[in-house]
Amino acid sequence: MVRFMMLFTYSLSLGRPAWPPYDLFRSMLAMVLGGITAFEVWVDNMREQRFYAVISGCHLESVPGVGTFYDC
């Protein structure tokens, strides 16, 4: 459902491919439910602990940067 609500905000032909909005939303939801309030801490946790990356829909090698979350 989130994918369809946010799909119109992403361009398929301009710029570099964007992170899927539903993955970022899921990641932020997991962050809040985990009691983490800073994106910097969350990104470090995703890079260090595979569990956080997996539930966010990311591979350990391609975790989004802190700035990606601020752009949401």
Protein backbone atom coordinates (compact mmCIF):
# COMPACT_ATOMS: atom_id res chain seq x y z
CA MET A 1 0.00 0.00 0.00
CA VAL A 2 2.80 2.43 0.88
CA ARG A 3 4.41 1.67 -2.48
CA PHE A 4 1.36 2.89 -4.39
CA MET A 5 0.91 5.97 -2.19
CA MET A 6 4.49 7.15 -2.80
CA LEU A 7 5.13 5.89 -6.33
CA PHE A 8 4.20 9.17 -8.01
CA THR A 9 6.99 11.00 -6.14
CA TYR A 10 9.77 9.01 -7.85
CA SER A 11 11.03 9.47 -11.39
CA LEU A 12 11.88 6.33 -13.33
CA SER A 13 13.83 8.16 -16.03
CA LEU A 14 15.77 10.93 -14.25
CA GLY A 15 18.75 10.66 -11.93
CA ARG A 16 20.08 7.61 -10.21
CA PRO A 17 17.63 4.88 -9.17
CA ALA A 18 15.96 5.71 -5.87
CA TRP A 19 15.64 3.46 -2.86
CA PRO A 20 12.19 1.87 -2.83
CA PRO A 21 10.02 4.03 -0.59
CA TYR A 22 8.39 1.03 1.06
CA ASP A 23 11.83 -0.27 2.14
CA LEU A 24 12.73 3.09 3.66
CA PHE A 25 9.34 3.29 5.39
CA ARG A 26 9.76 -0.23 6.78
CA SER A 27 13.25 0.63 7.98
CA MET A 28 12.08 3.81 9.75
CA LEU A 29 9.23 1.89 11.35
CA ALA A 30 11.67 -0.74 12.64
CA MET A 31 13.93 2.04 13.90
CA VAL A 32 11.14 3.64 15.91
CA LEU A 33 9.86 0.31 17.26
CA GLY A 34 13.43 -0.52 18.28
CA GLY A 35 13.63 2.67 20.33
CA ILE A 36 16.27 4.33 18.14
CA THR A 37 15.71 8.00 17.43
CA ALA A 38 18.81 8.98 15.41
CA PHE A 39 19.40 8.00 11.79
CA GLU A 40 23.15 7.92 12.41
CA VAL A 41 22.76 5.23 15.08
CA TRP A 42 20.28 3.29 12.95
CA VAL A 43 22.53 3.19 9.89
CA ASP A 44 25.47 2.06 12.04
CA ASN A 45 23.28 -0.70 13.52
CA MET A 46 22.19 -1.83 10.05
CA ARG A 47 25.82 -2.02 8.91
CA GLU A 48 26.96 -3.91 12.00
CA GLN A 49 24.02 -6.26 12.57
CA ARG A 50 22.61 -8.20 9.67
CA PHE A 51 19.17 -8.52 11.32
CA TYR A 52 18.43 -4.79 11.05
CA ALA A 53 19.49 -4.69 7.40
CA VAL A 54 17.35 -7.71 6.52
CA ILE A 55 14.16 -6.42 8.17
CA SER A 56 14.74 -3.13 6.37
CA GLY A 57 14.83 -4.89 3.01
CA CYS A 58 18.53 -4.13 2.41
CA HIS A 59 21.58 -6.23 1.75
CA LEU A 60 24.47 -5.81 4.14
CA GLU A 61 26.61 -4.52 1.27
CA SER A 62 24.11 -1.85 0.24
CA VAL A 63 22.72 -0.16 3.33
CA PRO A 64 21.36 3.33 2.58
CA GLY A 65 23.34 6.25 3.94
CA VAL A 66 22.23 8.60 6.66
CA GLY A 67 21.39 11.32 4.12
CA THR A 68 18.96 9.00 2.37
CA PHE A 69 16.79 8.89 5.46
CA TYR A 70 16.90 12.68 5.85
CA ASP A 71 15.69 13.06 2.24
CA CYS A 72 12.51 11.06 2.97
